[in-house]
Amino acid sequence: MSKPARKSRVTQQLEILALRSLELADQVAAGHLPFIDAVDMAYSAAQWAGLPETVGDNTIKLALSASFPNARRL
């Protein structure tokens, strides 16, 4: 049997960004955080991790747009 492939650091960072963005979207839906603040926080985290330089700004925007479409207040 072959060993499972290790995820690259960038892949792990993108997965973490997606998970944290979903958590922020939940906070928006619950009314605890304004939408624009949540998106700004997620994008700032991506910048801090250096992701826009690594994978490109469009990839970050796609990841965030996938996380926030249902961030409506409940």
PDB file of N, CA and C in Angstrom:
ATOM      1  N   MET A   1       0.827  -1.189   0.000  1.00  0.00           N
ATOM      2  CA  MET A   1       0.000   0.000   0.000  1.00  0.00           C
ATOM      3  C   MET A   1       0.869   1.249   0.000  1.00  0.00           C
ATOM      4  N   SER A   2       0.429   2.229  -0.722  1.00  0.00           N
ATOM      5  CA  SER A   2       1.190   3.478  -0.737  1.00  0.00           C
ATOM      6  C   SER A   2       0.719   4.381   0.392  1.00  0.00           C
ATOM      7  N   LYS A   3       1.608   5.259   0.817  1.00  0.00           N
ATOM      8  CA  LYS A   3       1.276   6.208   1.875  1.00  0.00           C
ATOM      9  C   LYS A   3       0.350   7.284   1.317  1.00  0.00           C
ATOM     10  N   PRO A   4      -0.584   7.785   2.135  1.00  0.00           N
ATOM     11  CA  PRO A   4      -1.412   8.885   1.658  1.00  0.00           C
ATOM     12  C   PRO A   4      -0.552  10.118   1.403  1.00  0.00           C
ATOM     13  N   ALA A   5      -0.885  10.840   0.373  1.00  0.00           N
ATOM     14  CA  ALA A   5      -0.115  12.045   0.043  1.00  0.00           C
ATOM     15  C   ALA A   5      -0.311  13.091   1.128  1.00  0.00           C
ATOM     16  N   ARG A   6       0.782  13.720   1.530  1.00  0.00           N
ATOM     17  CA  ARG A   6       0.697  14.806   2.506  1.00  0.00           C
ATOM     18  C   ARG A   6       0.166  16.042   1.813  1.00  0.00           C
ATOM     19  N   LYS A   7      -0.668  16.741   2.530  1.00  0.00           N
ATOM     20  CA  LYS A   7      -1.193  17.980   1.985  1.00  0.00           C
ATOM     21  C   LYS A   7      -0.111  19.038   2.050  1.00  0.00           C
ATOM     22  N   SER A   8      -0.062  19.842   1.034  1.00  0.00           N
ATOM     23  CA  SER A   8       0.907  20.925   1.039  1.00  0.00           C
ATOM     24  C   SER A   8       0.482  21.968   2.067  1.00  0.00           C
ATOM     25  N   ARG A   9       1.430  22.757   2.467  1.00  0.00           N
ATOM     26  CA  ARG A   9       1.154  23.820   3.438  1.00  0.00           C
ATOM     27  C   ARG A   9       0.109  24.789   2.894  1.00  0.00           C
ATOM     28  N   VAL A  10       0.191  25.101   1.615  1.00  0.00           N
ATOM     29  CA  VAL A  10      -0.773  26.028   1.001  1.00  0.00           C
ATOM     30  C   VAL A  10      -2.170  25.430   1.030  1.00  0.00           C
ATOM     31  N   THR A  11      -2.275  24.152   0.717  1.00  0.00           N
ATOM     32  CA  THR A  11      -3.580  23.485   0.756  1.00  0.00           C
ATOM     33  C   THR A  11      -4.152  23.531   2.164  1.00  0.00           C
ATOM     34  N   GLN A  12      -3.327  23.282   3.151  1.00  0.00           N
ATOM     35  CA  GLN A  12      -3.780  23.344   4.538  1.00  0.00           C
ATOM     36  C   GLN A  12      -4.241  24.753   4.904  1.00  0.00           C
ATOM     37  N   GLN A  13      -3.483  25.763   4.466  1.00  0.00           N
ATOM     38  CA  GLN A  13      -3.857  27.144   4.763  1.00  0.00           C
ATOM     39  C   GLN A  13      -5.179  27.507   4.106  1.00  0.00           C
ATOM     40  N   LEU A  14      -5.393  27.054   2.873  1.00  0.00           N
ATOM     41  CA  LEU A  14      -6.661  27.331   2.196  1.00  0.00           C
ATOM     42  C   LEU A  14      -7.830  26.628   2.903  1.00  0.00           C
ATOM     43  N   GLU A  15      -7.606  25.418   3.367  1.00  0.00           N
ATOM     44  CA  GLU A  15      -8.654  24.699   4.094  1.00  0.00           C
ATOM     45  C   GLU A  15      -8.999  25.413   5.398  1.00  0.00           C
ATOM     46  N   ILE A  16      -7.983  25.883   6.098  1.00  0.00           N
ATOM     47  CA  ILE A  16      -8.216  26.616   7.342  1.00  0.00           C
ATOM     48  C   ILE A  16      -8.967  27.907   7.058  1.00  0.00           C
ATOM     49  N   LEU A  17      -8.567  28.616   5.997  1.00  0.00           N
ATOM     50  CA  LEU A  17      -9.270  29.846   5.616  1.00  0.00           C
ATOM     51  C   LEU A  17     -10.745  29.553   5.330  1.00  0.00           C
ATOM     52  N   ALA A  18     -11.011  28.488   4.606  1.00  0.00           N
ATOM     53  CA  ALA A  18     -12.396  28.138   4.289  1.00  0.00           C
ATOM     54  C   ALA A  18     -13.189  27.811   5.551  1.00  0.00           C
ATOM     55  N   LEU A  19     -12.607  27.031   6.448  1.00  0.00           N
ATOM     56  CA  LEU A  19     -13.307  26.667   7.688  1.00  0.00           C
ATOM     57  C   LEU A  19     -13.563  27.884   8.571  1.00  0.00           C
ATOM     58  N   ARG A  20     -12.571  28.735   8.712  1.00  0.00           N
ATOM     59  CA  ARG A  20     -12.740  29.935   9.541  1.00  0.00           C
ATOM     60  C   ARG A  20     -13.746  30.894   8.899  1.00  0.00           C
ATOM     61  N   SER A  21     -13.749  30.954   7.583  1.00  0.00           N
ATOM     62  CA  SER A  21     -14.713  31.809   6.888  1.00  0.00           C
ATOM     63  C   SER A  21     -16.136  31.301   7.088  1.00  0.00           C
ATOM     64  N   LEU A  22     -16.312  29.989   7.099  1.00  0.00           N
ATOM     65  CA  LEU A  22     -17.639  29.425   7.384  1.00  0.00           C
ATOM     66  C   LEU A  22     -18.083  29.776   8.801  1.00  0.00           C
ATOM     67  N   GLU A  23     -17.137  29.742   9.738  1.00  0.00           N
ATOM     68  CA  GLU A  23     -17.452  30.125  11.115  1.00  0.00           C
ATOM     69  C   GLU A  23     -17.841  31.601  11.190  1.00  0.00           C
ATOM     70  N   LEU A  24     -17.126  32.450  10.455  1.00  0.00           N
ATOM     71  CA  LEU A  24     -17.483  33.870  10.423  1.00  0.00           C
ATOM     72  C   LEU A  24     -18.856  34.065   9.785  1.00  0.00           C
ATOM     73  N   ALA A  25     -19.153  33.305   8.747  1.00  0.00           N
ATOM     74  CA  ALA A  25     -20.466  33.389   8.100  1.00  0.00           C
ATOM     75  C   ALA A  25     -21.573  33.007   9.078  1.00  0.00           C
ATOM     76  N   ASP A  26     -21.314  32.025   9.922  1.00  0.00           N
ATOM     77  CA  ASP A  26     -22.293  31.652  10.951  1.00  0.00           C
ATOM     78  C   ASP A  26     -22.520  32.806  11.919  1.00  0.00           C
ATOM     79  N   GLN A  27     -21.455  33.530  12.258  1.00  0.00           N
ATOM     80  CA  GLN A  27     -21.584  34.683  13.159  1.00  0.00           C
ATOM     81  C   GLN A  27     -22.401  35.797  12.506  1.00  0.00           C
ATOM     82  N   VAL A  28     -22.229  35.961  11.211  1.00  0.00           N
ATOM     83  CA  VAL A  28     -23.029  36.949  10.475  1.00  0.00           C
ATOM     84  C   VAL A  28     -24.495  36.527  10.492  1.00  0.00           C
ATOM     85  N   ALA A  29     -24.747  35.260  10.196  1.00  0.00           N
ATOM     86  CA  ALA A  29     -26.121  34.752  10.153  1.00  0.00           C
ATOM     87  C   ALA A  29     -26.814  34.884  11.506  1.00  0.00           C
ATOM     88  N   ALA A  30     -26.050  34.756  12.589  1.00  0.00           N
ATOM     89  CA  ALA A  30     -26.620  34.864  13.937  1.00  0.00           C
ATOM     90  C   ALA A  30     -26.785  36.319  14.371  1.00  0.00           C
ATOM     91  N   GLY A  31     -26.273  37.252  13.555  1.00  0.00           N
ATOM     92  CA  GLY A  31     -26.412  38.663  13.886  1.00  0.00           C
ATOM     93  C   GLY A  31     -25.360  39.191  14.836  1.00  0.00           C
ATOM     94  N   HIS A  32     -24.282  38.431  15.027  1.00  0.00           N
ATOM     95  CA  HIS A  32     -23.228  38.835  15.950  1.00  0.00           C
ATOM     96  C   HIS A  32     -22.119  39.651  15.286  1.00  0.00           C
ATOM     97  N   LEU A  33     -22.104  39.668  13.967  1.00  0.00           N
ATOM     98  CA  LEU A  33     -21.014  40.315  13.241  1.00  0.00           C
ATOM     99  C   LEU A  33     -21.550  40.837  11.914  1.00  0.00           C
ATOM    100  N   PRO A  34     -21.239  42.087  11.563  1.00  0.00           N
ATOM    101  CA  PRO A  34     -21.655  42.590  10.253  1.00  0.00           C
ATOM    102  C   PRO A  34     -20.942  41.841   9.123  1.00  0.00           C
ATOM    103  N   PHE A  35     -21.648  41.650   8.031  1.00  0.00           N
ATOM    104  CA  PHE A  35     -21.119  40.903   6.890  1.00  0.00           C
ATOM    105  C   PHE A  35     -19.771  41.449   6.422  1.00  0.00           C
ATOM    106  N   ILE A  36     -19.702  42.743   6.195  1.00  0.00           N
ATOM    107  CA  ILE A  36     -18.474  43.330   5.648  1.00  0.00           C
ATOM    108  C   ILE A  36     -17.300  43.158   6.608  1.00  0.00           C
ATOM    109  N   ASP A  37     -17.561  43.225   7.907  1.00  0.00           N
ATOM    110  CA  ASP A  37     -16.490  43.005   8.883  1.00  0.00           C
ATOM    111  C   ASP A  37     -15.986  41.565   8.822  1.00  0.00           C
ATOM    112  N   ALA A  38     -16.900  40.624   8.666  1.00  0.00           N
ATOM    113  CA  ALA A  38     -16.506  39.216   8.602  1.00  0.00           C
ATOM    114  C   ALA A  38     -15.658  38.941   7.364  1.00  0.00           C
ATOM    115  N   VAL A  39     -16.068  39.490   6.233  1.00  0.00           N
ATOM    116  CA  VAL A  39     -15.301  39.290   5.001  1.00  0.00           C
ATOM    117  C   VAL A  39     -13.932  39.959   5.123  1.00  0.00           C
ATOM    118  N   ASP A  40     -13.909  41.158   5.684  1.00  0.00           N
ATOM    119  CA  ASP A  40     -12.624  41.847   5.881  1.00  0.00           C
ATOM    120  C   ASP A  40     -11.700  41.051   6.793  1.00  0.00           C
ATOM    121  N   MET A  41     -12.252  40.471   7.847  1.00  0.00           N
ATOM    122  CA  MET A  41     -11.438  39.671   8.769  1.00  0.00           C
ATOM    123  C   MET A  41     -10.851  38.450   8.052  1.00  0.00           C
ATOM    124  N   ALA A  42     -11.675  37.788   7.259  1.00  0.00           N
ATOM    125  CA  ALA A  42     -11.215  36.602   6.544  1.00  0.00           C
ATOM    126  C   ALA A  42     -10.134  36.968   5.526  1.00  0.00           C
ATOM    127  N   TYR A  43     -10.357  38.051   4.804  1.00  0.00           N
ATOM    128  CA  TYR A  43      -9.359  38.454   3.802  1.00  0.00           C
ATOM    129  C   TYR A  43      -8.056  38.894   4.473  1.00  0.00           C
ATOM    130  N   SER A  44      -8.165  39.588   5.585  1.00  0.00           N
ATOM    131  CA  SER A  44      -6.962  39.989   6.322  1.00  0.00           C
ATOM    132  C   SER A  44      -6.179  38.775   6.795  1.00  0.00           C
ATOM    133  N   ALA A  45      -6.883  37.750   7.224  1.00  0.00           N
ATOM    134  CA  ALA A  45      -6.209  36.515   7.648  1.00  0.00           C
ATOM    135  C   ALA A  45      -5.476  35.876   6.468  1.00  0.00           C
ATOM    136  N   ALA A  46      -6.106  35.895   5.303  1.00  0.00           N
ATOM    137  CA  ALA A  46      -5.462  35.345   4.107  1.00  0.00           C
ATOM    138  C   ALA A  46      -4.209  36.146   3.764  1.00  0.00           C
ATOM    139  N   GLN A  47      -4.302  37.467   3.877  1.00  0.00           N
ATOM    140  CA  GLN A  47      -3.133  38.309   3.610  1.00  0.00           C
ATOM    141  C   GLN A  47      -2.023  38.029   4.615  1.00  0.00           C
ATOM    142  N   TRP A  48      -2.375  37.900   5.874  1.00  0.00           N
ATOM    143  CA  TRP A  48      -1.388  37.629   6.917  1.00  0.00           C
ATOM    144  C   TRP A  48      -0.646  36.327   6.625  1.00  0.00           C
ATOM    145  N   ALA A  49      -1.370  35.338   6.100  1.00  0.00           N
ATOM    146  CA  ALA A  49      -0.763  34.043   5.784  1.00  0.00           C
ATOM    147  C   ALA A  49       0.009  34.076   4.463  1.00  0.00           C
ATOM    148  N   GLY A  50      -0.089  35.178   3.731  1.00  0.00           N
ATOM    149  CA  GLY A  50       0.620  35.289   2.458  1.00  0.00           C
ATOM    150  C   GLY A  50      -0.055  34.566   1.314  1.00  0.00           C
ATOM    151  N   LEU A  51      -1.315  34.218   1.487  1.00  0.00           N
ATOM    152  CA  LEU A  51      -2.003  33.443   0.455  1.00  0.00           C
ATOM    153  C   LEU A  51      -2.222  34.194  -0.864  1.00  0.00           C
ATOM    154  N   PRO A  52      -2.572  35.492  -0.841  1.00  0.00           N
ATOM    155  CA  PRO A  52      -2.752  36.153  -2.135  1.00  0.00           C
ATOM    156  C   PRO A  52      -1.485  36.100  -3.004  1.00  0.00           C
ATOM    157  N   GLU A  53      -0.332  36.203  -2.389  1.00  0.00           N
ATOM    158  CA  GLU A  53       0.909  36.124  -3.146  1.00  0.00           C
ATOM    159  C   GLU A  53       1.195  34.707  -3.619  1.00  0.00           C
ATOM    160  N   THR A  54       0.742  33.724  -2.846  1.00  0.00           N
ATOM    161  CA  THR A  54       1.030  32.321  -3.167  1.00  0.00           C
ATOM    162  C   THR A  54       0.070  31.751  -4.206  1.00  0.00           C
ATOM    163  N   VAL A  55      -1.230  31.963  -3.998  1.00  0.00           N
ATOM    164  CA  VAL A  55      -2.224  31.340  -4.882  1.00  0.00           C
ATOM    165  C   VAL A  55      -2.962  32.349  -5.755  1.00  0.00           C
ATOM    166  N   GLY A  56      -2.774  33.619  -5.477  1.00  0.00           N
ATOM    167  CA  GLY A  56      -3.443  34.648  -6.269  1.00  0.00           C
ATOM    168  C   GLY A  56      -4.694  35.165  -5.590  1.00  0.00           C
ATOM    169  N   ASP A  57      -4.958  36.425  -5.834  1.00  0.00           N
ATOM    170  CA  ASP A  57      -6.100  37.094  -5.222  1.00  0.00           C
ATOM    171  C   ASP A  57      -7.428  36.491  -5.659  1.00  0.00           C
ATOM    172  N   ASN A  58      -7.518  36.055  -6.913  1.00  0.00           N
ATOM    173  CA  ASN A  58      -8.775  35.476  -7.393  1.00  0.00           C
ATOM    174  C   ASN A  58      -9.129  34.183  -6.665  1.00  0.00           C
ATOM    175  N   THR A  59      -8.119  33.392  -6.324  1.00  0.00           N
ATOM    176  CA  THR A  59      -8.372  32.154  -5.577  1.00  0.00           C
ATOM    177  C   THR A  59      -8.916  32.471  -4.188  1.00  0.00           C
ATOM    178  N   ILE A  60      -8.368  33.496  -3.553  1.00  0.00           N
ATOM    179  CA  ILE A  60      -8.850  33.898  -2.232  1.00  0.00           C
ATOM    180  C   ILE A  60     -10.295  34.380  -2.338  1.00  0.00           C
ATOM    181  N   LYS A  61     -10.572  35.194  -3.338  1.00  0.00           N
ATOM    182  CA  LYS A  61     -11.937  35.704  -3.528  1.00  0.00           C
ATOM    183  C   LYS A  61     -12.925  34.564  -3.777  1.00  0.00           C
ATOM    184  N   LEU A  62     -12.505  33.566  -4.538  1.00  0.00           N
ATOM    185  CA  LEU A  62     -13.376  32.411  -4.780  1.00  0.00           C
ATOM    186  C   LEU A  62     -13.634  31.636  -3.490  1.00  0.00           C
ATOM    187  N   ALA A  63     -12.591  31.451  -2.693  1.00  0.00           N
ATOM    188  CA  ALA A  63     -12.746  30.733  -1.425  1.00  0.00           C
ATOM    189  C   ALA A  63     -13.705  31.475  -0.503  1.00  0.00           C
ATOM    190  N   LEU A  64     -13.559  32.792  -0.437  1.00  0.00           N
ATOM    191  CA  LEU A  64     -14.442  33.571   0.434  1.00  0.00           C
ATOM    192  C   LEU A  64     -15.868  33.585  -0.103  1.00  0.00           C
ATOM    193  N   SER A  65     -16.022  33.714  -1.396  1.00  0.00           N
ATOM    194  CA  SER A  65     -17.380  33.751  -1.946  1.00  0.00           C
ATOM    195  C   SER A  65     -18.095  32.421  -1.733  1.00  0.00           C
ATOM    196  N   ALA A  66     -17.353  31.331  -1.684  1.00  0.00           N
ATOM    197  CA  ALA A  66     -17.961  30.027  -1.416  1.00  0.00           C
ATOM    198  C   ALA A  66     -18.372  29.890   0.043  1.00  0.00           C
ATOM    199  N   SER A  67     -17.735  30.649   0.915  1.00  0.00           N
ATOM    200  CA  SER A  67     -18.009  30.538   2.348  1.00  0.00           C
ATOM    201  C   SER A  67     -19.148  31.430   2.817  1.00  0.00           C
ATOM    202  N   PHE A  68     -19.395  32.526   2.123  1.00  0.00           N
ATOM    203  CA  PHE A  68     -20.326  33.527   2.626  1.00  0.00           C
ATOM    204  C   PHE A  68     -21.675  33.642   1.920  1.00  0.00           C
ATOM    205  N   PRO A  69     -22.029  32.799   0.955  1.00  0.00           N
ATOM    206  CA  PRO A  69     -23.289  33.066   0.253  1.00  0.00           C
ATOM    207  C   PRO A  69     -24.537  32.917   1.123  1.00  0.00           C
ATOM    208  N   ASN A  70     -24.453  32.118   2.152  1.00  0.00           N
ATOM    209  CA  ASN A  70     -25.615  31.891   3.013  1.00  0.00           C
ATOM    210  C   ASN A  70     -25.497  32.621   4.351  1.00  0.00           C
ATOM    211  N   ALA A  71     -24.722  33.666   4.378  1.00  0.00           N
ATOM    212  CA  ALA A  71     -24.487  34.396   5.627  1.00  0.00           C
ATOM    213  C   ALA A  71     -25.598  35.420   5.866  1.00  0.00           C
ATOM    214  N   ARG A  72     -26.814  34.989   5.730  1.00  0.00           N
ATOM    215  CA  ARG A  72     -27.946  35.874   5.983  1.00  0.00           C
ATOM    216  C   ARG A  72     -28.359  35.736   7.432  1.00  0.00           C
ATOM    217  N   ARG A  73     -28.905  36.799   7.941  1.00  0.00           N
ATOM    218  CA  ARG A  73     -29.390  36.730   9.323  1.00  0.00           C
ATOM    219  C   ARG A  73     -30.517  35.723   9.441  1.00  0.00           C
ATOM    220  N   LEU A  74     -30.461  34.950  10.502  1.00  0.00           N
ATOM    221  CA  LEU A  74     -31.514  33.941  10.770  1.00  0.00           C
ATOM    222  C   LEU A  74     -32.712  34.578  11.410  1.00  0.00           C
TER     223      LEU A  74
END
